[in-house]
PDB file of N, CA and C in Angstrom:
ATOM      1  N   MET A   1     100.197  63.138  70.078  1.00  0.00           N
ATOM      2  CA  MET A   1      99.324  61.907  70.429  1.00  0.00           C
ATOM      3  C   MET A   1      98.996  61.127  69.182  1.00  0.00           C
ATOM      4  N   PRO A   2      99.279  59.665  69.190  1.00  0.00           N
ATOM      5  CA  PRO A   2      99.170  58.954  68.104  1.00  0.00           C
ATOM      6  C   PRO A   2      97.645  58.596  67.842  1.00  0.00           C
ATOM      7  N   SER A   3      97.262  58.279  66.590  1.00  0.00           N
ATOM      8  CA  SER A   3      95.771  57.971  66.296  1.00  0.00           C
ATOM      9  C   SER A   3      95.586  56.608  66.983  1.00  0.00           C
ATOM     10  N   VAL A   4      94.198  56.429  67.294  1.00  0.00           N
ATOM     11  CA  VAL A   4      93.812  55.290  68.025  1.00  0.00           C
ATOM     12  C   VAL A   4      94.583  53.894  67.319  1.00  0.00           C
ATOM     13  N   LYS A   5      94.393  53.934  66.129  1.00  0.00           N
ATOM     14  CA  LYS A   5      94.921  52.768  65.316  1.00  0.00           C
ATOM     15  C   LYS A   5      96.457  52.265  65.711  1.00  0.00           C
ATOM     16  N   ASN A   6      97.173  53.528  65.836  1.00  0.00           N
ATOM     17  CA  ASN A   6      98.571  53.239  66.065  1.00  0.00           C
ATOM     18  C   ASN A   6      99.067  53.244  67.632  1.00  0.00           C
ATOM     19  N   PRO A   7      99.108  52.118  68.018  1.00  0.00           N
ATOM     20  CA  PRO A   7      99.362  51.746  69.523  1.00  0.00           C
ATOM     21  C   PRO A   7     100.900  52.017  70.032  1.00  0.00           C
ATOM     22  N   ASN A   8     101.783  52.442  68.868  1.00  0.00           N
ATOM     23  CA  ASN A   8     103.364  52.633  69.398  1.00  0.00           C
ATOM     24  C   ASN A   8     103.484  54.002  69.670  1.00  0.00           C
ATOM     25  N   GLY A   9     102.870  54.478  70.704  1.00  0.00           N
ATOM     26  CA  GLY A   9     103.188  56.058  71.030  1.00  0.00           C
ATOM     27  C   GLY A   9     103.229  55.902  72.660  1.00  0.00           C
ATOM     28  N   PRO A  10     103.849  57.238  73.341  1.00  0.00           N
ATOM     29  CA  PRO A  10     103.906  57.189  74.360  1.00  0.00           C
ATOM     30  C   PRO A  10     102.403  57.064  75.258  1.00  0.00           C
ATOM     31  N   SER A  11     102.157  56.508  76.353  1.00  0.00           N
ATOM     32  CA  SER A  11     100.983  56.399  77.163  1.00  0.00           C
ATOM     33  C   SER A  11     100.799  57.868  77.656  1.00  0.00           C
ATOM     34  N   LYS A  12      99.578  58.029  78.224  1.00  0.00           N
ATOM     35  CA  LYS A  12      99.189  59.298  78.756  1.00  0.00           C
ATOM     36  C   LYS A  12      99.864  59.646  79.969  1.00  0.00           C
ATOM     37  N   ASN A  13     100.264  58.635  80.803  1.00  0.00           N
ATOM     38  CA  ASN A  13     101.033  58.820  81.921  1.00  0.00           C
ATOM     39  C   ASN A  13     102.569  59.503  81.634  1.00  0.00           C
ATOM     40  N   ARG A  14     102.988  58.652  80.620  1.00  0.00           N
ATOM     41  CA  ARG A  14     104.388  59.109  80.101  1.00  0.00           C
ATOM     42  C   ARG A  14     104.319  60.711  79.676  1.00  0.00           C
ATOM     43  N   LEU A  15     103.276  60.927  78.837  1.00  0.00           N
ATOM     44  CA  LEU A  15     103.102  62.331  78.147  1.00  0.00           C
ATOM     45  C   LEU A  15     102.811  63.362  79.175  1.00  0.00           C
ATOM     46  N   ALA A  16     102.203  62.922  80.425  1.00  0.00           N
ATOM     47  CA  ALA A  16     101.869  63.905  81.434  1.00  0.00           C
ATOM     48  C   ALA A  16     103.239  64.206  82.231  1.00  0.00           C
ATOM     49  N   ALA A  17     104.026  63.020  82.460  1.00  0.00           N
ATOM     50  CA  ALA A  17     105.273  63.090  83.230  1.00  0.00           C
ATOM     51  C   ALA A  17     106.301  64.050  82.367  1.00  0.00           C
ATOM     52  N   ARG A  18     106.228  63.860  80.928  1.00  0.00           N
ATOM     53  CA  ARG A  18     107.179  64.576  80.407  1.00  0.00           C
ATOM     54  C   ARG A  18     106.716  66.182  80.314  1.00  0.00           C
ATOM     55  N   ALA A  19     105.674  66.465  80.306  1.00  0.00           N
ATOM     56  CA  ALA A  19     105.333  67.697  80.255  1.00  0.00           C
ATOM     57  C   ALA A  19     105.500  68.366  81.965  1.00  0.00           C
ATOM     58  N   ALA A  20     105.276  67.623  82.850  1.00  0.00           N
ATOM     59  CA  ALA A  20     105.514  68.076  84.327  1.00  0.00           C
ATOM     60  C   ALA A  20     106.922  68.332  84.433  1.00  0.00           C
ATOM     61  N   LYS A  21     107.912  67.412  83.790  1.00  0.00           N
ATOM     62  CA  LYS A  21     109.387  67.596  83.906  1.00  0.00           C
ATOM     63  C   LYS A  21     109.639  68.610  83.071  1.00  0.00           C
ATOM     64  N   ALA A  22     108.987  69.028  82.174  1.00  0.00           N
ATOM     65  CA  ALA A  22     109.575  70.290  81.362  1.00  0.00           C
ATOM     66  C   ALA A  22     109.309  71.505  81.981  1.00  0.00           C
ATOM     67  N   ARG A  23     107.901  71.487  82.698  1.00  0.00           N
ATOM     68  CA  ARG A  23     107.283  72.663  83.340  1.00  0.00           C
ATOM     69  C   ARG A  23     108.469  73.022  84.517  1.00  0.00           C
ATOM     70  N   LYS A  24     108.773  72.021  85.343  1.00  0.00           N
ATOM     71  CA  LYS A  24     109.499  72.147  86.444  1.00  0.00           C
ATOM     72  C   LYS A  24     110.918  72.658  86.058  1.00  0.00           C
ATOM     73  N   ALA A  25     111.457  72.131  84.950  1.00  0.00           N
ATOM     74  CA  ALA A  25     112.804  72.651  84.339  1.00  0.00           C
ATOM     75  C   ALA A  25     112.633  74.241  84.042  1.00  0.00           C
ATOM     76  N   ASN A  26     111.486  74.715  83.358  1.00  0.00           N
ATOM     77  CA  ASN A  26     111.249  75.986  82.907  1.00  0.00           C
ATOM     78  C   ASN A  26     111.339  76.847  84.419  1.00  0.00           C
ATOM     79  N   GLN A  27     110.594  76.553  85.462  1.00  0.00           N
ATOM     80  CA  GLN A  27     110.371  77.072  86.533  1.00  0.00           C
ATOM     81  C   GLN A  27     111.951  77.376  87.281  1.00  0.00           C
ATOM     82  N   LYS A  28     112.508  76.353  87.154  1.00  0.00           N
ATOM     83  CA  LYS A  28     114.016  76.307  87.920  1.00  0.00           C
ATOM     84  C   LYS A  28     114.797  77.342  87.086  1.00  0.00           C
ATOM     85  N   ARG A  29     114.649  77.231  85.698  1.00  0.00           N
ATOM     86  CA  ARG A  29     115.562  78.261  85.004  1.00  0.00           C
ATOM     87  C   ARG A  29     115.155  79.672  85.227  1.00  0.00           C
ATOM     88  N   ALA A  30     113.725  79.956  85.327  1.00  0.00           N
ATOM     89  CA  ALA A  30     113.106  81.155  85.491  1.00  0.00           C
ATOM     90  C   ALA A  30     113.478  81.728  87.057  1.00  0.00           C
ATOM     91  N   ALA A  31     113.597  80.604  88.072  1.00  0.00           N
ATOM     92  CA  ALA A  31     113.810  81.169  89.304  1.00  0.00           C
ATOM     93  C   ALA A  31     115.445  81.308  89.475  1.00  0.00           C
ATOM     94  N   GLY A  32     116.093  80.903  88.869  1.00  0.00           N
ATOM     95  CA  GLY A  32     117.695  81.147  88.776  1.00  0.00           C
ATOM     96  C   GLY A  32     118.192  82.306  87.980  1.00  0.00           C
ATOM     97  N   ALA A  33     117.343  83.154  87.588  1.00  0.00           N
ATOM     98  CA  ALA A  33     117.568  84.216  86.571  1.00  0.00           C
ATOM     99  C   ALA A  33     118.397  85.246  87.423  1.00  0.00           C
ATOM    100  N   PRO A  34     119.435  85.740  86.600  1.00  0.00           N
ATOM    101  CA  PRO A  34     120.240  86.919  87.390  1.00  0.00           C
ATOM    102  C   PRO A  34     119.720  88.135  87.789  1.00  0.00           C
ATOM    103  N   ASN A  35     118.407  88.479  87.510  1.00  0.00           N
ATOM    104  CA  ASN A  35     117.703  89.741  87.551  1.00  0.00           C
ATOM    105  C   ASN A  35     117.251  89.690  89.161  1.00  0.00           C
ATOM    106  N   LYS A  36     118.097  90.293  89.939  1.00  0.00           N
ATOM    107  CA  LYS A  36     118.008  90.241  91.476  1.00  0.00           C
ATOM    108  C   LYS A  36     116.695  91.443  91.975  1.00  0.00           C
ATOM    109  N   ALA A  37     116.528  92.367  91.041  1.00  0.00           N
ATOM    110  CA  ALA A  37     115.423  93.308  91.395  1.00  0.00           C
ATOM    111  C   ALA A  37     114.091  92.706  91.486  1.00  0.00           C
ATOM    112  N   ASN A  38     113.896  91.671  90.633  1.00  0.00           N
ATOM    113  CA  ASN A  38     112.514  91.224  90.659  1.00  0.00           C
ATOM    114  C   ASN A  38     112.661  89.743  91.281  1.00  0.00           C
ATOM    115  N   ARG A  39     113.517  89.547  92.114  1.00  0.00           N
ATOM    116  CA  ARG A  39     113.726  88.227  92.861  1.00  0.00           C
ATOM    117  C   ARG A  39     112.626  87.859  93.667  1.00  0.00           C
ATOM    118  N   VAL A  40     112.000  86.595  93.442  1.00  0.00           N
ATOM    119  CA  VAL A  40     110.924  86.291  94.461  1.00  0.00           C
ATOM    120  C   VAL A  40     111.457  85.147  95.511  1.00  0.00           C
ATOM    121  N   ALA A  41     111.089  85.441  96.727  1.00  0.00           N
ATOM    122  CA  ALA A  41     111.691  84.699  97.773  1.00  0.00           C
ATOM    123  C   ALA A  41     111.128  83.298  97.765  1.00  0.00           C
ATOM    124  N   LYS A  42     112.089  82.677  98.244  1.00  0.00           N
ATOM    125  CA  LYS A  42     111.778  80.913  98.091  1.00  0.00           C
ATOM    126  C   LYS A  42     110.860  80.411  98.639  1.00  0.00           C
ATOM    127  N   ALA A  43     110.203  81.044  99.710  1.00  0.00           N
ATOM    128  CA  ALA A  43     108.775  80.508 100.472  1.00  0.00           C
ATOM    129  C   ALA A  43     107.791  80.762  99.317  1.00  0.00           C
ATOM    130  N   ASP A  44     107.806  82.080  98.669  1.00  0.00           N
ATOM    131  CA  ASP A  44     106.840  82.469  97.590  1.00  0.00           C
ATOM    132  C   ASP A  44     106.910  81.389  96.437  1.00  0.00           C
ATOM    133  N   GLN A  45     108.095  81.083  96.076  1.00  0.00           N
ATOM    134  CA  GLN A  45     108.373  80.246  94.859  1.00  0.00           C
ATOM    135  C   GLN A  45     107.707  78.838  94.977  1.00  0.00           C
ATOM    136  N   LYS A  46     107.829  78.456  96.396  1.00  0.00           N
ATOM    137  CA  LYS A  46     107.103  77.113  96.916  1.00  0.00           C
ATOM    138  C   LYS A  46     105.730  77.017  96.560  1.00  0.00           C
ATOM    139  N   ARG A  47     105.077  78.200  96.808  1.00  0.00           N
ATOM    140  CA  ARG A  47     103.656  78.459  96.454  1.00  0.00           C
ATOM    141  C   ARG A  47     103.285  78.871  95.096  1.00  0.00           C
ATOM    142  N   GLY A  48     104.290  78.744  94.246  1.00  0.00           N
ATOM    143  CA  GLY A  48     103.644  79.013  92.910  1.00  0.00           C
ATOM    144  C   GLY A  48     104.017  80.469  92.378  1.00  0.00           C
ATOM    145  N   ALA A  49     104.655  81.319  93.044  1.00  0.00           N
ATOM    146  CA  ALA A  49     104.893  82.635  92.433  1.00  0.00           C
ATOM    147  C   ALA A  49     105.944  82.734  91.605  1.00  0.00           C
ATOM    148  N   ARG A  50     105.910  83.528  90.564  1.00  0.00           N
ATOM    149  CA  ARG A  50     107.153  83.593  89.501  1.00  0.00           C
ATOM    150  C   ARG A  50     107.384  85.362  89.323  1.00  0.00           C
ATOM    151  N   ALA A  51     108.364  85.267  88.955  1.00  0.00           N
ATOM    152  CA  ALA A  51     108.982  86.697  88.909  1.00  0.00           C
ATOM    153  C   ALA A  51     108.056  87.809  88.058  1.00  0.00           C
ATOM    154  N   GLY A  52     107.536  87.428  87.220  1.00  0.00           N
ATOM    155  CA  GLY A  52     106.473  88.277  86.144  1.00  0.00           C
ATOM    156  C   GLY A  52     105.078  88.313  86.798  1.00  0.00           C
ATOM    157  N   LEU A  53     104.744  87.546  87.641  1.00  0.00           N
ATOM    158  CA  LEU A  53     103.333  87.633  88.316  1.00  0.00           C
ATOM    159  C   LEU A  53     103.231  88.111  89.518  1.00  0.00           C
ATOM    160  N   LEU A  54     102.100  89.246  89.564  1.00  0.00           N
ATOM    161  CA  LEU A  54     101.823  89.851  90.882  1.00  0.00           C
ATOM    162  C   LEU A  54     100.764  88.742  91.460  1.00  0.00           C
ATOM    163  N   PRO A  55     100.859  88.630  92.990  1.00  0.00           N
ATOM    164  CA  PRO A  55      99.978  88.019  93.837  1.00  0.00           C
ATOM    165  C   PRO A  55      98.836  88.640  93.821  1.00  0.00           C
ATOM    166  N   THR A  56      97.527  87.933  93.998  1.00  0.00           N
ATOM    167  CA  THR A  56      96.276  88.203  94.155  1.00  0.00           C
ATOM    168  C   THR A  56      96.019  88.468  95.656  1.00  0.00           C
ATOM    169  N   SER A  57      96.878  88.178  96.433  1.00  0.00           N
ATOM    170  CA  SER A  57      96.625  88.337  97.924  1.00  0.00           C
ATOM    171  C   SER A  57      98.162  88.525  98.807  1.00  0.00           C
ATOM    172  N   GLY A  58      98.095  88.921  99.783  1.00  0.00           N
ATOM    173  CA  GLY A  58      99.258  89.036 100.537  1.00  0.00           C
ATOM    174  C   GLY A  58      99.760  90.649 100.562  1.00  0.00           C
ATOM    175  N   PRO A  59     101.223  90.746 101.253  1.00  0.00           N
ATOM    176  CA  PRO A  59     101.614  92.186 101.191  1.00  0.00           C
ATOM    177  C   PRO A  59     101.866  92.667  99.779  1.00  0.00           C
ATOM    178  N   ASN A  60     102.302  91.791  98.813  1.00  0.00           N
ATOM    179  CA  ASN A  60     102.874  92.382  97.546  1.00  0.00           C
ATOM    180  C   ASN A  60     101.688  92.303  96.423  1.00  0.00           C
ATOM    181  N   ALA A  61     100.518  92.062  96.848  1.00  0.00           N
ATOM    182  CA  ALA A  61      99.387  92.329  96.065  1.00  0.00           C
ATOM    183  C   ALA A  61      99.001  93.602  95.342  1.00  0.00           C
ATOM    184  N   ALA A  62      98.833  93.650  94.109  1.00  0.00           N
ATOM    185  CA  ALA A  62      98.348  94.905  93.623  1.00  0.00           C
ATOM    186  C   ALA A  62      97.100  95.545  94.099  1.00  0.00           C
ATOM    187  N   LEU A  63      97.122  96.883  94.346  1.00  0.00           N
ATOM    188  CA  LEU A  63      95.901  97.415  94.867  1.00  0.00           C
ATOM    189  C   LEU A  63      94.819  97.698  93.876  1.00  0.00           C
ATOM    190  N   SER A  64      93.569  97.867  94.034  1.00  0.00           N
ATOM    191  CA  SER A  64      92.742  98.273  93.016  1.00  0.00           C
ATOM    192  C   SER A  64      92.832  99.795  92.928  1.00  0.00           C
ATOM    193  N   ALA A  65      92.320 100.115  91.920  1.00  0.00           N
ATOM    194  CA  ALA A  65      92.423 101.783  91.737  1.00  0.00           C
ATOM    195  C   ALA A  65      91.693 102.512  92.776  1.00  0.00           C
ATOM    196  N   LYS A  66      90.522 101.681  93.390  1.00  0.00           N
ATOM    197  CA  LYS A  66      89.668 102.424  94.319  1.00  0.00           C
ATOM    198  C   LYS A  66      90.358 102.495  95.587  1.00  0.00           C
ATOM    199  N   LYS A  67      91.118 101.283  95.945  1.00  0.00           N
ATOM    200  CA  LYS A  67      91.835 101.241  97.197  1.00  0.00           C
ATOM    201  C   LYS A  67      93.047 102.092  97.229  1.00  0.00           C
ATOM    202  N   ARG A  68      93.574 102.264  96.092  1.00  0.00           N
ATOM    203  CA  ARG A  68      94.998 103.251  95.959  1.00  0.00           C
ATOM    204  C   ARG A  68      94.477 104.647  96.112  1.00  0.00           C
ATOM    205  N   ARG A  69      93.130 104.871  95.629  1.00  0.00           N
ATOM    206  CA  ARG A  69      92.626 106.439  95.718  1.00  0.00           C
ATOM    207  C   ARG A  69      92.440 106.710  97.090  1.00  0.00           C
ATOM    208  N   LYS A  70      91.869 105.748  97.861  1.00  0.00           N
ATOM    209  CA  LYS A  70      91.528 106.045  99.268  1.00  0.00           C
ATOM    210  C   LYS A  70      92.766 106.096 100.117  1.00  0.00           C
ATOM    211  N   LEU A  71      94.001 105.134  99.883  1.00  0.00           N
ATOM    212  CA  LEU A  71      95.222 105.292 100.570  1.00  0.00           C
ATOM    213  C   LEU A  71      95.799 106.479 100.221  1.00  0.00           C
ATOM    214  N   GLU A  72      95.804 107.109  99.064  1.00  0.00           N
ATOM    215  CA  GLU A  72      96.454 108.279  98.839  1.00  0.00           C
ATOM    216  C   GLU A  72      95.585 109.405  99.654  1.00  0.00           C
ATOM    217  N   LYS A  73      94.442 109.410  99.729  1.00  0.00           N
ATOM    218  CA  LYS A  73      93.753 110.485 100.415  1.00  0.00           C
ATOM    219  C   LYS A  73      94.189 110.372 101.930  1.00  0.00           C
ATOM    220  N   LYS A  74      94.104 109.241 102.408  1.00  0.00           N
ATOM    221  CA  LYS A  74      94.506 109.012 103.937  1.00  0.00           C
ATOM    222  C   LYS A  74      96.042 109.369 104.323  1.00  0.00           C
ATOM    223  N   MET A  75      97.146 108.931 103.253  1.00  0.00           N
ATOM    224  CA  MET A  75      98.384 109.418 103.539  1.00  0.00           C
ATOM    225  C   MET A  75      98.425 111.079 103.328  1.00  0.00           C
ATOM    226  N   GLY A  76      97.664 111.728 102.378  1.00  0.00           N
ATOM    227  CA  GLY A  76      97.639 113.166 102.400  1.00  0.00           C
ATOM    228  C   GLY A  76      97.200 113.746 103.798  1.00  0.00           C
ATOM    229  N   TYR A  77      96.148 113.142 104.344  1.00  0.00           N
ATOM    230  CA  TYR A  77      95.646 113.731 105.538  1.00  0.00           C
ATOM    231  C   TYR A  77      96.682 113.587 106.526  1.00  0.00           C
ATOM    232  N   ALA A  78      97.207 112.628 106.596  1.00  0.00           N
ATOM    233  CA  ALA A  78      98.391 112.253 107.711  1.00  0.00           C
ATOM    234  C   ALA A  78      99.424 113.201 107.600  1.00  0.00           C
ATOM    235  N   LEU A  79      99.973 113.426 106.352  1.00  0.00           N
ATOM    236  CA  LEU A  79     100.835 114.407 106.082  1.00  0.00           C
ATOM    237  C   LEU A  79     100.615 115.802 106.610  1.00  0.00           C
ATOM    238  N   LYS A  80      99.240 116.152 106.363  1.00  0.00           N
ATOM    239  CA  LYS A  80      98.696 117.344 106.824  1.00  0.00           C
ATOM    240  C   LYS A  80      98.833 117.478 108.503  1.00  0.00           C
ATOM    241  N   ARG A  81      98.267 116.399 108.986  1.00  0.00           N
ATOM    242  CA  ARG A  81      98.598 116.267 110.403  1.00  0.00           C
ATOM    243  C   ARG A  81      99.934 116.601 111.038  1.00  0.00           C
ATOM    244  N   ARG A  82     100.899 115.711 110.308  1.00  0.00           N
ATOM    245  CA  ARG A  82     102.226 115.741 111.058  1.00  0.00           C
ATOM    246  C   ARG A  82     102.962 117.108 110.708  1.00  0.00           C
ATOM    247  N   MET A  83     102.377 117.908 109.624  1.00  0.00           N
ATOM    248  CA  MET A  83     102.986 119.256 109.245  1.00  0.00           C
ATOM    249  C   MET A  83     102.540 120.221 110.317  1.00  0.00           C
ATOM    250  N   GLU A  84     101.088 120.225 110.391  1.00  0.00           N
ATOM    251  CA  GLU A  84     100.597 121.101 111.674  1.00  0.00           C
ATOM    252  C   GLU A  84     101.167 120.632 112.962  1.00  0.00           C
ATOM    253  N   ALA A  85     101.317 119.502 113.333  1.00  0.00           N
ATOM    254  CA  ALA A  85     102.103 119.076 114.469  1.00  0.00           C
ATOM    255  C   ALA A  85     103.492 119.727 114.720  1.00  0.00           C
ATOM    256  N   GLU A  86     104.335 119.849 113.405  1.00  0.00           N
ATOM    257  CA  GLU A  86     105.653 120.258 113.269  1.00  0.00           C
ATOM    258  C   GLU A  86     105.689 121.895 113.500  1.00  0.00           C
ATOM    259  N   GLY A  87     104.438 122.499 113.155  1.00  0.00           N
ATOM    260  CA  GLY A  87     104.439 123.702 113.297  1.00  0.00           C
ATOM    261  C   GLY A  87     104.355 124.501 111.758  1.00  0.00           C
ATOM    262  N   GLU A  88     104.544 123.776 110.783  1.00  0.00           N
ATOM    263  CA  GLU A  88     104.517 124.302 109.421  1.00  0.00           C
ATOM    264  C   GLU A  88     103.138 124.675 108.979  1.00  0.00           C
ATOM    265  N   VAL A  89     102.758 125.534 108.529  1.00  0.00           N
ATOM    266  CA  VAL A  89     101.516 126.329 107.968  1.00  0.00           C
ATOM    267  C   VAL A  89     101.526 126.028 106.553  1.00  0.00           C
ATOM    268  N   GLU A  90     100.258 125.565 106.039  1.00  0.00           N
ATOM    269  CA  GLU A  90      99.936 125.619 104.611  1.00  0.00           C
ATOM    270  C   GLU A  90      99.744 126.968 104.056  1.00  0.00           C
ATOM    271  N   MET A  91     100.328 127.137 102.845  1.00  0.00           N
ATOM    272  CA  MET A  91     100.321 128.488 102.308  1.00  0.00           C
ATOM    273  C   MET A  91      98.895 128.617 101.643  1.00  0.00           C
ATOM    274  N   LYS A  92      98.254 129.647 102.065  1.00  0.00           N
ATOM    275  CA  LYS A  92      96.777 129.896 101.341  1.00  0.00           C
ATOM    276  C   LYS A  92      97.017 130.886  99.962  1.00  0.00           C
ATOM    277  N   ASP A  93      96.138 130.691  99.229  1.00  0.00           N
ATOM    278  CA  ASP A  93      96.177 131.455  97.986  1.00  0.00           C
ATOM    279  C   ASP A  93      95.659 132.612  98.334  1.00  0.00           C
ATOM    280  N   VAL A  94      96.341 133.958  97.699  1.00  0.00           N
ATOM    281  CA  VAL A  94      96.254 135.283  97.832  1.00  0.00           C
ATOM    282  C   VAL A  94      94.818 135.548  97.486  1.00  0.00           C
ATOM    283  N   SER A  95      94.446 135.148  96.226  1.00  0.00           N
ATOM    284  CA  SER A  95      93.310 135.376  95.734  1.00  0.00           C
ATOM    285  C   SER A  95      92.102 134.979  96.555  1.00  0.00           C
ATOM    286  N   GLY A  96      92.206 134.000  97.309  1.00  0.00           N
ATOM    287  CA  GLY A  96      91.024 133.345  98.207  1.00  0.00           C
ATOM    288  C   GLY A  96      90.530 134.386  99.264  1.00  0.00           C
ATOM    289  N   GLU A  97      91.195 135.436  99.600  1.00  0.00           N
ATOM    290  CA  GLU A  97      91.033 136.476 100.644  1.00  0.00           C
ATOM    291  C   GLU A  97      89.753 137.135 100.415  1.00  0.00           C
ATOM    292  N   LYS A  98      89.063 137.750 101.436  1.00  0.00           N
ATOM    293  CA  LYS A  98      87.877 138.224 100.967  1.00  0.00           C
ATOM    294  C   LYS A  98      87.729 139.750 101.320  1.00  0.00           C
ATOM    295  N   SER A  99      88.980 140.238 101.136  1.00  0.00           N
ATOM    296  CA  SER A  99      89.421 141.619 101.432  1.00  0.00           C
ATOM    297  C   SER A  99      88.867 142.490 100.174  1.00  0.00           C
ATOM    298  N   GLY A 100      88.663 142.016  98.918  1.00  0.00           N
ATOM    299  CA  GLY A 100      88.322 142.643  97.722  1.00  0.00           C
ATOM    300  C   GLY A 100      89.565 143.021  96.848  1.00  0.00           C
ATOM    301  N   LYS A 101      90.739 142.784  97.358  1.00  0.00           N
ATOM    302  CA  LYS A 101      91.960 143.004  96.410  1.00  0.00           C
ATOM    303  C   LYS A 101      92.253 141.888  95.694  1.00  0.00           C
ATOM    304  N   THR A 102      92.714 142.041  94.536  1.00  0.00           N
ATOM    305  CA  THR A 102      93.071 141.017  93.438  1.00  0.00           C
ATOM    306  C   THR A 102      94.813 140.810  93.871  1.00  0.00           C
ATOM    307  N   ALA A 103      95.129 139.556  93.213  1.00  0.00           N
ATOM    308  CA  ALA A 103      96.512 139.380  93.519  1.00  0.00           C
ATOM    309  C   ALA A 103      97.554 140.355  92.626  1.00  0.00           C
ATOM    310  N   VAL A 104      96.953 140.946  91.605  1.00  0.00           N
ATOM    311  CA  VAL A 104      97.646 141.945  91.026  1.00  0.00           C
ATOM    312  C   VAL A 104      97.918 143.364  92.097  1.00  0.00           C
ATOM    313  N   GLU A 105      96.829 143.465  92.661  1.00  0.00           N
ATOM    314  CA  GLU A 105      96.715 144.759  93.509  1.00  0.00           C
ATOM    315  C   GLU A 105      97.819 144.387  94.704  1.00  0.00           C
ATOM    316  N   TYR A 106      97.816 143.268  95.112  1.00  0.00           N
ATOM    317  CA  TYR A 106      98.749 142.753  96.240  1.00  0.00           C
ATOM    318  C   TYR A 106     100.309 142.871  95.717  1.00  0.00           C
ATOM    319  N   MET A 107     100.431 142.609  94.549  1.00  0.00           N
ATOM    320  CA  MET A 107     101.744 142.737  93.907  1.00  0.00           C
ATOM    321  C   MET A 107     102.163 144.263  93.679  1.00  0.00           C
ATOM    322  N   GLU A 108     101.233 145.158  93.420  1.00  0.00           N
ATOM    323  CA  GLU A 108     101.578 146.405  93.259  1.00  0.00           C
ATOM    324  C   GLU A 108     101.887 146.944  94.569  1.00  0.00           C
ATOM    325  N   LEU A 109     101.069 146.679  95.470  1.00  0.00           N
ATOM    326  CA  LEU A 109     101.608 147.066  97.079  1.00  0.00           C
ATOM    327  C   LEU A 109     102.923 146.613  97.337  1.00  0.00           C
ATOM    328  N   ASP A 110     103.262 145.093  97.067  1.00  0.00           N
ATOM    329  CA  ASP A 110     104.563 144.796  97.500  1.00  0.00           C
ATOM    330  C   ASP A 110     105.651 145.413  96.760  1.00  0.00           C
ATOM    331  N   SER A 111     105.613 145.718  95.333  1.00  0.00           N
ATOM    332  CA  SER A 111     106.538 146.652  94.467  1.00  0.00           C
ATOM    333  C   SER A 111     106.692 147.788  95.032  1.00  0.00           C
ATOM    334  N   GLU A 112     105.503 148.571  95.686  1.00  0.00           N
ATOM    335  CA  GLU A 112     105.878 149.727  96.201  1.00  0.00           C
ATOM    336  C   GLU A 112     106.602 149.955  97.352  1.00  0.00           C
ATOM    337  N   ASN A 113     106.620 148.740  98.130  1.00  0.00           N
ATOM    338  CA  ASN A 113     107.359 148.662  99.540  1.00  0.00           C
ATOM    339  C   ASN A 113     108.748 148.687  99.317  1.00  0.00           C
ATOM    340  N   ILE A 114     109.084 148.094  98.142  1.00  0.00           N
ATOM    341  CA  ILE A 114     110.353 147.604  98.048  1.00  0.00           C
ATOM    342  C   ILE A 114     111.225 148.848  97.439  1.00  0.00           C
ATOM    343  N   SER A 115     112.226 149.264  98.394  1.00  0.00           N
ATOM    344  CA  SER A 115     113.263 150.235  98.152  1.00  0.00           C
ATOM    345  C   SER A 115     114.662 150.010  98.495  1.00  0.00           C
TER     346      SER A 115
END
């Protein structure tokens, strides 16, 4: 930007247009990058999405830690229900039984029966 006393410089309009043109060229170059794994859909690009930026809303938005924990819990419960429906039984820990025998005693009993 020239000083106020020097009138021989580009006007504010020209400076803004030059910046907008450069910004648009950078966006086009980033959109045409060969990295197809992080490719952003054209509809999203029109709304301003770029490859390195995560959206703050919509299906591709990053989940907060709290929502992710809640979702993992729900998925775990759904998995348990599906396993029970298929007939698979969750293995219980031997030490959790109330018979008074420890896991070592159970192993000794099992080793005696092996012949």
